[in-house]
Full PDB file with SEQRES, HELIX, SHEET, SSBOND, CRYST1, ORIGX, SCALE, CONECT and MASTER records, all heavy atoms in Angstrom:
SEQRES   1 A   30  ASP GLY ASN GLN GLU GLU ILE ILE HIS ALA CYS GLU ARG          
SEQRES   2 A   30  ALA GLU GLY ALA MET LEU ARG VAL TYR LYS ASN ALA LEU          
SEQRES   3 A   30  SER LYS ARG ILE                                              
HELIX    1 AA1 GLN A    4  LEU A   26  1                                  23    
CRYST1    1.000    1.000    1.000  90.00  90.00  90.00 P 1           1          
ORIGX1      1.000000  0.000000  0.000000        0.00000                         
ORIGX2      0.000000  1.000000  0.000000        0.00000                         
ORIGX3      0.000000  0.000000  1.000000        0.00000                         
SCALE1      1.000000  0.000000  0.000000        0.00000                         
SCALE2      0.000000  1.000000  0.000000        0.00000                         
SCALE3      0.000000  0.000000  1.000000        0.00000                         
ATOM      1  N   ASP A   1       0.821  -1.218   0.000  1.00  0.00           N  
ATOM      2  CA  ASP A   1       0.000   0.000   0.000  1.00  0.00           C  
ATOM      3  C   ASP A   1       0.855   1.268   0.000  1.00  0.00           C  
ATOM      4  O   ASP A   1       0.337   2.357  -0.227  1.00  0.00           O  
ATOM      5  CB  ASP A   1      -0.929   0.028   1.219  1.00  0.00           C  
ATOM      6  CG  ASP A   1      -1.954  -1.091   1.201  1.00  0.00           C  
ATOM      7  OD1 ASP A   1      -2.162  -1.699   0.125  1.00  0.00           O  
ATOM      8  OD2 ASP A   1      -2.539  -1.355   2.269  1.00  0.00           O  
ATOM      9  N   GLY A   2       2.146   1.110   0.305  1.00  0.00           N  
ATOM     10  CA  GLY A   2       3.036   2.265   0.365  1.00  0.00           C  
ATOM     11  C   GLY A   2       2.784   3.157   1.562  1.00  0.00           C  
ATOM     12  O   GLY A   2       3.127   4.336   1.552  1.00  0.00           O  
ATOM     13  N   ASN A   3       2.205   2.608   2.609  1.00  0.00           N  
ATOM     14  CA  ASN A   3       1.837   3.385   3.784  1.00  0.00           C  
ATOM     15  C   ASN A   3       2.921   3.253   4.859  1.00  0.00           C  
ATOM     16  O   ASN A   3       2.981   2.263   5.583  1.00  0.00           O  
ATOM     17  CB  ASN A   3       0.482   2.900   4.311  1.00  0.00           C  
ATOM     18  CG  ASN A   3      -0.050   3.745   5.426  1.00  0.00           C  
ATOM     19  OD1 ASN A   3       0.695   4.398   6.150  1.00  0.00           O  
ATOM     20  ND2 ASN A   3      -1.365   3.728   5.580  1.00  0.00           N  
ATOM     21  N   GLN A   4       3.779   4.274   4.970  1.00  0.00           N  
ATOM     22  CA  GLN A   4       4.895   4.264   5.911  1.00  0.00           C  
ATOM     23  C   GLN A   4       4.425   4.155   7.368  1.00  0.00           C  
ATOM     24  O   GLN A   4       5.003   3.408   8.150  1.00  0.00           O  
ATOM     25  CB  GLN A   4       5.715   5.550   5.748  1.00  0.00           C  
ATOM     26  CG  GLN A   4       6.191   5.796   4.335  1.00  0.00           C  
ATOM     27  CD  GLN A   4       7.570   5.270   4.086  1.00  0.00           C  
ATOM     28  OE1 GLN A   4       8.470   5.517   4.870  1.00  0.00           O  
ATOM     29  NE2 GLN A   4       7.745   4.556   3.006  1.00  0.00           N  
ATOM     30  N   GLU A   5       3.388   4.892   7.705  1.00  0.00           N  
ATOM     31  CA  GLU A   5       2.876   4.853   9.077  1.00  0.00           C  
ATOM     32  C   GLU A   5       2.352   3.466   9.425  1.00  0.00           C  
ATOM     33  O   GLU A   5       2.558   2.975  10.535  1.00  0.00           O  
ATOM     34  CB  GLU A   5       1.762   5.884   9.266  1.00  0.00           C  
ATOM     35  CG  GLU A   5       2.248   7.310   9.218  1.00  0.00           C  
ATOM     36  CD  GLU A   5       1.115   8.304   9.249  1.00  0.00           C  
ATOM     37  OE1 GLU A   5       0.037   7.992   9.804  1.00  0.00           O  
ATOM     38  OE2 GLU A   5       1.307   9.402   8.718  1.00  0.00           O  
ATOM     39  N   GLU A   6       1.695   2.830   8.491  1.00  0.00           N  
ATOM     40  CA  GLU A   6       1.152   1.492   8.742  1.00  0.00           C  
ATOM     41  C   GLU A   6       2.273   0.457   8.848  1.00  0.00           C  
ATOM     42  O   GLU A   6       2.161  -0.505   9.602  1.00  0.00           O  
ATOM     43  CB  GLU A   6       0.153   1.105   7.651  1.00  0.00           C  
ATOM     44  CG  GLU A   6      -0.685  -0.090   7.995  1.00  0.00           C  
ATOM     45  CD  GLU A   6      -1.441   0.026   9.319  1.00  0.00           C  
ATOM     46  OE1 GLU A   6      -1.960   1.108   9.638  1.00  0.00           O  
ATOM     47  OE2 GLU A   6      -1.497  -0.982  10.053  1.00  0.00           O  
ATOM     48  N   ILE A   7       3.366   0.671   8.129  1.00  0.00           N  
ATOM     49  CA  ILE A   7       4.521  -0.235   8.249  1.00  0.00           C  
ATOM     50  C   ILE A   7       5.066  -0.174   9.679  1.00  0.00           C  
ATOM     51  O   ILE A   7       5.298  -1.218  10.304  1.00  0.00           O  
ATOM     52  CB  ILE A   7       5.629   0.128   7.232  1.00  0.00           C  
ATOM     53  CG1 ILE A   7       5.142  -0.147   5.801  1.00  0.00           C  
ATOM     54  CG2 ILE A   7       6.909  -0.658   7.526  1.00  0.00           C  
ATOM     55  CD1 ILE A   7       6.061   0.401   4.716  1.00  0.00           C  
ATOM     56  N   ILE A   8       5.238   1.038  10.205  1.00  0.00           N  
ATOM     57  CA  ILE A   8       5.732   1.202  11.575  1.00  0.00           C  
ATOM     58  C   ILE A   8       4.743   0.585  12.570  1.00  0.00           C  
ATOM     59  O   ILE A   8       5.140  -0.120  13.508  1.00  0.00           O  
ATOM     60  CB  ILE A   8       5.975   2.691  11.905  1.00  0.00           C  
ATOM     61  CG1 ILE A   8       7.067   3.272  11.008  1.00  0.00           C  
ATOM     62  CG2 ILE A   8       6.313   2.887  13.378  1.00  0.00           C  
ATOM     63  CD1 ILE A   8       8.424   2.659  11.187  1.00  0.00           C  
ATOM     64  N   HIS A   9       3.461   0.814  12.352  1.00  0.00           N  
ATOM     65  CA  HIS A   9       2.431   0.261  13.238  1.00  0.00           C  
ATOM     66  C   HIS A   9       2.472  -1.274  13.212  1.00  0.00           C  
ATOM     67  O   HIS A   9       2.381  -1.926  14.262  1.00  0.00           O  
ATOM     68  CB  HIS A   9       1.050   0.778  12.820  1.00  0.00           C  
ATOM     69  CG  HIS A   9      -0.050   0.407  13.747  1.00  0.00           C  
ATOM     70  ND1 HIS A   9      -0.091   0.816  15.060  1.00  0.00           N  
ATOM     71  CD2 HIS A   9      -1.150  -0.357  13.550  1.00  0.00           C  
ATOM     72  CE1 HIS A   9      -1.164   0.320  15.644  1.00  0.00           C  
ATOM     73  NE2 HIS A   9      -1.829  -0.394  14.744  1.00  0.00           N  
ATOM     74  N   ALA A  10       2.640  -1.852  12.048  1.00  0.00           N  
ATOM     75  CA  ALA A  10       2.719  -3.311  11.933  1.00  0.00           C  
ATOM     76  C   ALA A  10       3.981  -3.839  12.618  1.00  0.00           C  
ATOM     77  O   ALA A  10       3.944  -4.899  13.262  1.00  0.00           O  
ATOM     78  CB  ALA A  10       2.692  -3.721  10.461  1.00  0.00           C  
ATOM     79  N   CYS A  11       5.087  -3.117  12.504  1.00  0.00           N  
ATOM     80  CA  CYS A  11       6.315  -3.523  13.190  1.00  0.00           C  
ATOM     81  C   CYS A  11       6.108  -3.517  14.705  1.00  0.00           C  
ATOM     82  O   CYS A  11       6.561  -4.425  15.408  1.00  0.00           O  
ATOM     83  CB  CYS A  11       7.471  -2.591  12.831  1.00  0.00           C  
ATOM     84  SG  CYS A  11       8.140  -2.800  11.170  1.00  0.00           S  
ATOM     85  N   GLU A  12       5.405  -2.501  15.200  1.00  0.00           N  
ATOM     86  CA  GLU A  12       5.135  -2.423  16.637  1.00  0.00           C  
ATOM     87  C   GLU A  12       4.304  -3.617  17.108  1.00  0.00           C  
ATOM     88  O   GLU A  12       4.604  -4.232  18.128  1.00  0.00           O  
ATOM     89  CB  GLU A  12       4.414  -1.126  16.976  1.00  0.00           C  
ATOM     90  CG  GLU A  12       4.101  -1.029  18.461  1.00  0.00           C  
ATOM     91  CD  GLU A  12       3.139   0.078  18.802  1.00  0.00           C  
ATOM     92  OE1 GLU A  12       2.344   0.488  17.939  1.00  0.00           O  
ATOM     93  OE2 GLU A  12       3.146   0.502  19.973  1.00  0.00           O  
ATOM     94  N   ARG A  13       3.267  -3.955  16.360  1.00  0.00           N  
ATOM     95  CA  ARG A  13       2.424  -5.091  16.757  1.00  0.00           C  
ATOM     96  C   ARG A  13       3.199  -6.411  16.687  1.00  0.00           C  
ATOM     97  O   ARG A  13       3.062  -7.261  17.575  1.00  0.00           O  
ATOM     98  CB  ARG A  13       1.171  -5.145  15.900  1.00  0.00           C  
ATOM     99  CG  ARG A  13       0.163  -4.084  16.297  1.00  0.00           C  
ATOM    100  CD  ARG A  13      -1.216  -4.355  15.738  1.00  0.00           C  
ATOM    101  NE  ARG A  13      -1.249  -4.365  14.295  1.00  0.00           N  
ATOM    102  CZ  ARG A  13      -1.481  -3.301  13.525  1.00  0.00           C  
ATOM    103  NH1 ARG A  13      -1.685  -2.121  14.078  1.00  0.00           N  
ATOM    104  NH2 ARG A  13      -1.508  -3.404  12.228  1.00  0.00           N  
ATOM    105  N   ALA A  14       4.026  -6.573  15.663  1.00  0.00           N  
ATOM    106  CA  ALA A  14       4.835  -7.792  15.554  1.00  0.00           C  
ATOM    107  C   ALA A  14       5.830  -7.885  16.702  1.00  0.00           C  
ATOM    108  O   ALA A  14       6.065  -8.962  17.257  1.00  0.00           O  
ATOM    109  CB  ALA A  14       5.558  -7.823  14.207  1.00  0.00           C  
ATOM    110  N   GLU A  15       6.391  -6.748  17.077  1.00  0.00           N  
ATOM    111  CA  GLU A  15       7.333  -6.718  18.199  1.00  0.00           C  
ATOM    112  C   GLU A  15       6.626  -7.069  19.507  1.00  0.00           C  
ATOM    113  O   GLU A  15       7.164  -7.781  20.352  1.00  0.00           O  
ATOM    114  CB  GLU A  15       7.971  -5.331  18.274  1.00  0.00           C  
ATOM    115  CG  GLU A  15       9.294  -5.303  18.916  1.00  0.00           C  
ATOM    116  CD  GLU A  15      10.373  -6.035  18.133  1.00  0.00           C  
ATOM    117  OE1 GLU A  15      10.155  -6.552  17.040  1.00  0.00           O  
ATOM    118  OE2 GLU A  15      11.481  -6.101  18.670  1.00  0.00           O  
ATOM    119  N   GLY A  16       5.410  -6.576  19.683  1.00  0.00           N  
ATOM    120  CA  GLY A  16       4.629  -6.923  20.870  1.00  0.00           C  
ATOM    121  C   GLY A  16       4.353  -8.418  20.940  1.00  0.00           C  
ATOM    122  O   GLY A  16       4.439  -9.020  22.017  1.00  0.00           O  
ATOM    123  N   ALA A  17       4.061  -9.010  19.801  1.00  0.00           N  
ATOM    124  CA  ALA A  17       3.835 -10.466  19.757  1.00  0.00           C  
ATOM    125  C   ALA A  17       5.117 -11.213  20.104  1.00  0.00           C  
ATOM    126  O   ALA A  17       5.090 -12.211  20.834  1.00  0.00           O  
ATOM    127  CB  ALA A  17       3.336 -10.875  18.374  1.00  0.00           C  
ATOM    128  N   MET A  18       6.236 -10.708  19.627  1.00  0.00           N  
ATOM    129  CA  MET A  18       7.515 -11.347  19.930  1.00  0.00           C  
ATOM    130  C   MET A  18       7.816 -11.276  21.422  1.00  0.00           C  
ATOM    131  O   MET A  18       8.323 -12.238  22.005  1.00  0.00           O  
ATOM    132  CB  MET A  18       8.620 -10.686  19.118  1.00  0.00           C  
ATOM    133  CG  MET A  18       9.861 -11.496  19.017  1.00  0.00           C  
ATOM    134  SD  MET A  18      10.846 -10.889  17.644  1.00  0.00           S  
ATOM    135  CE  MET A  18      12.176 -12.056  17.722  1.00  0.00           C  
ATOM    136  N   LEU A  19       7.487 -10.148  22.040  1.00  0.00           N  
ATOM    137  CA  LEU A  19       7.667 -10.026  23.490  1.00  0.00           C  
ATOM    138  C   LEU A  19       6.864 -11.087  24.237  1.00  0.00           C  
ATOM    139  O   LEU A  19       7.358 -11.692  25.189  1.00  0.00           O  
ATOM    140  CB  LEU A  19       7.233  -8.636  23.968  1.00  0.00           C  
ATOM    141  CG  LEU A  19       8.233  -7.514  23.824  1.00  0.00           C  
ATOM    142  CD1 LEU A  19       7.591  -6.183  24.192  1.00  0.00           C  
ATOM    143  CD2 LEU A  19       9.464  -7.769  24.673  1.00  0.00           C  
ATOM    144  N   ARG A  20       5.635 -11.306  23.806  1.00  0.00           N  
ATOM    145  CA  ARG A  20       4.795 -12.317  24.471  1.00  0.00           C  
ATOM    146  C   ARG A  20       5.374 -13.722  24.306  1.00  0.00           C  
ATOM    147  O   ARG A  20       5.365 -14.517  25.249  1.00  0.00           O  
ATOM    148  CB  ARG A  20       3.366 -12.248  23.932  1.00  0.00           C  
ATOM    149  CG  ARG A  20       2.624 -11.001  24.392  1.00  0.00           C  
ATOM    150  CD  ARG A  20       1.157 -11.005  24.016  1.00  0.00           C  
ATOM    151  NE  ARG A  20       0.925 -11.016  22.578  1.00  0.00           N  
ATOM    152  CZ  ARG A  20       0.918  -9.941  21.799  1.00  0.00           C  
ATOM    153  NH1 ARG A  20       1.161  -8.742  22.323  1.00  0.00           N  
ATOM    154  NH2 ARG A  20       0.673 -10.046  20.507  1.00  0.00           N  
ATOM    155  N   VAL A  21       5.902 -14.029  23.136  1.00  0.00           N  
ATOM    156  CA  VAL A  21       6.500 -15.346  22.888  1.00  0.00           C  
ATOM    157  C   VAL A  21       7.706 -15.553  23.802  1.00  0.00           C  
ATOM    158  O   VAL A  21       7.870 -16.616  24.412  1.00  0.00           O  
ATOM    159  CB  VAL A  21       6.892 -15.500  21.397  1.00  0.00           C  
ATOM    160  CG1 VAL A  21       7.757 -16.716  21.175  1.00  0.00           C  
ATOM    161  CG2 VAL A  21       5.652 -15.558  20.515  1.00  0.00           C  
ATOM    162  N   TYR A  22       8.547 -14.537  23.900  1.00  0.00           N  
ATOM    163  CA  TYR A  22       9.730 -14.646  24.758  1.00  0.00           C  
ATOM    164  C   TYR A  22       9.350 -14.710  26.236  1.00  0.00           C  
ATOM    165  O   TYR A  22       9.936 -15.465  27.012  1.00  0.00           O  
ATOM    166  CB  TYR A  22      10.693 -13.480  24.509  1.00  0.00           C  
ATOM    167  CG  TYR A  22      11.749 -13.823  23.490  1.00  0.00           C  
ATOM    168  CD1 TYR A  22      11.453 -13.821  22.134  1.00  0.00           C  
ATOM    169  CD2 TYR A  22      13.037 -14.169  23.874  1.00  0.00           C  
ATOM    170  CE1 TYR A  22      12.417 -14.143  21.189  1.00  0.00           C  
ATOM    171  CE2 TYR A  22      14.008 -14.493  22.952  1.00  0.00           C  
ATOM    172  CZ  TYR A  22      13.694 -14.477  21.606  1.00  0.00           C  
ATOM    173  OH  TYR A  22      14.641 -14.809  20.686  1.00  0.00           O  
ATOM    174  N   LYS A  23       8.371 -13.917  26.637  1.00  0.00           N  
ATOM    175  CA  LYS A  23       7.925 -13.938  28.038  1.00  0.00           C  
ATOM    176  C   LYS A  23       7.419 -15.331  28.400  1.00  0.00           C  
ATOM    177  O   LYS A  23       7.719 -15.853  29.476  1.00  0.00           O  
ATOM    178  CB  LYS A  23       6.842 -12.887  28.259  1.00  0.00           C  
ATOM    179  CG  LYS A  23       6.482 -12.694  29.703  1.00  0.00           C  
ATOM    180  CD  LYS A  23       5.526 -11.530  29.869  1.00  0.00           C  
ATOM    181  CE  LYS A  23       5.238 -11.314  31.338  1.00  0.00           C  
ATOM    182  NZ  LYS A  23       4.381 -10.156  31.562  1.00  0.00           N  
ATOM    183  N   ASN A  24       6.677 -15.927  27.492  1.00  0.00           N  
ATOM    184  CA  ASN A  24       6.184 -17.293  27.710  1.00  0.00           C  
ATOM    185  C   ASN A  24       7.355 -18.273  27.833  1.00  0.00           C  
ATOM    186  O   ASN A  24       7.366 -19.131  28.723  1.00  0.00           O  
ATOM    187  CB  ASN A  24       5.244 -17.707  26.578  1.00  0.00           C  
ATOM    188  CG  ASN A  24       4.689 -19.089  26.779  1.00  0.00           C  
ATOM    189  OD1 ASN A  24       4.234 -19.450  27.849  1.00  0.00           O  
ATOM    190  ND2 ASN A  24       4.738 -19.890  25.726  1.00  0.00           N  
ATOM    191  N   ALA A  25       8.336 -18.155  26.973  1.00  0.00           N  
ATOM    192  CA  ALA A  25       9.495 -19.049  27.030  1.00  0.00           C  
ATOM    193  C   ALA A  25      10.251 -18.883  28.347  1.00  0.00           C  
ATOM    194  O   ALA A  25      10.686 -19.864  28.955  1.00  0.00           O  
ATOM    195  CB  ALA A  25      10.419 -18.791  25.846  1.00  0.00           C  
ATOM    196  N   LEU A  26      10.389 -17.641  28.794  1.00  0.00           N  
ATOM    197  CA  LEU A  26      11.110 -17.384  30.046  1.00  0.00           C  
ATOM    198  C   LEU A  26      10.336 -17.836  31.283  1.00  0.00           C  
ATOM    199  O   LEU A  26      10.917 -17.992  32.354  1.00  0.00           O  
ATOM    200  CB  LEU A  26      11.462 -15.901  30.157  1.00  0.00           C  
ATOM    201  CG  LEU A  26      12.617 -15.452  29.270  1.00  0.00           C  
ATOM    202  CD1 LEU A  26      12.663 -13.940  29.169  1.00  0.00           C  
ATOM    203  CD2 LEU A  26      13.935 -16.007  29.802  1.00  0.00           C  
ATOM    204  N   SER A  27       9.037 -18.059  31.133  1.00  0.00           N  
ATOM    205  CA  SER A  27       8.241 -18.518  32.270  1.00  0.00           C  
ATOM    206  C   SER A  27       8.418 -20.023  32.523  1.00  0.00           C  
ATOM    207  O   SER A  27       8.003 -20.531  33.552  1.00  0.00           O  
ATOM    208  CB  SER A  27       6.757 -18.208  32.052  1.00  0.00           C  
ATOM    209  OG  SER A  27       6.208 -19.058  31.057  1.00  0.00           O  
ATOM    210  N   LYS A  28       9.059 -20.699  31.586  1.00  0.00           N  
ATOM    211  CA  LYS A  28       9.267 -22.146  31.728  1.00  0.00           C  
ATOM    212  C   LYS A  28      10.512 -22.423  32.565  1.00  0.00           C  
ATOM    213  O   LYS A  28      11.374 -21.574  32.724  1.00  0.00           O  
ATOM    214  CB  LYS A  28       9.392 -22.772  30.343  1.00  0.00           C  
ATOM    215  CG  LYS A  28       8.146 -22.587  29.495  1.00  0.00           C  
ATOM    216  CD  LYS A  28       8.279 -23.268  28.172  1.00  0.00           C  
ATOM    217  CE  LYS A  28       7.087 -23.057  27.278  1.00  0.00           C  
ATOM    218  NZ  LYS A  28       5.806 -23.341  27.851  1.00  0.00           N  
ATOM    219  N   ARG A  29      10.574 -23.622  33.064  1.00  0.00           N  
ATOM    220  CA  ARG A  29      11.756 -24.048  33.821  1.00  0.00           C  
ATOM    221  C   ARG A  29      12.778 -24.562  32.821  1.00  0.00           C  
ATOM    222  O   ARG A  29      12.652 -25.672  32.308  1.00  0.00           O  
ATOM    223  CB  ARG A  29      11.372 -25.111  34.834  1.00  0.00           C  
ATOM    224  CG  ARG A  29      10.427 -24.547  35.898  1.00  0.00           C  
ATOM    225  CD  ARG A  29      10.134 -25.512  37.003  1.00  0.00           C  
ATOM    226  NE  ARG A  29      11.398 -25.901  37.641  1.00  0.00           N  
ATOM    227  CZ  ARG A  29      11.611 -27.110  38.143  1.00  0.00           C  
ATOM    228  NH1 ARG A  29      10.692 -28.040  38.112  1.00  0.00           N  
ATOM    229  NH2 ARG A  29      12.777 -27.396  38.690  1.00  0.00           N  
ATOM    230  N   ILE A  30      13.763 -23.728  32.539  1.00  0.00           N  
ATOM    231  CA  ILE A  30      14.750 -24.031  31.505  1.00  0.00           C  
ATOM    232  C   ILE A  30      16.159 -23.938  32.089  1.00  0.00           C  
ATOM    233  O   ILE A  30      16.365 -23.307  33.128  1.00  0.00           O  
ATOM    234  CB  ILE A  30      14.605 -23.067  30.306  1.00  0.00           C  
ATOM    235  CG1 ILE A  30      14.629 -21.608  30.761  1.00  0.00           C  
ATOM    236  CG2 ILE A  30      13.325 -23.353  29.529  1.00  0.00           C  
ATOM    237  CD1 ILE A  30      14.509 -20.567  29.658  1.00  0.00           C  
TER     238      ILE A  30                                                      
MASTER        0    0    0    1    0    0    0    6  237    1    0    3          
END                                                                             
């Protein structure tokens, strides 16, 4: 779409999802 603002917004949401994945991994006994 060529939408720079939406690219940044999508990066933020993807980063938030990555944080949740890592937080879940760190909650395990490893």
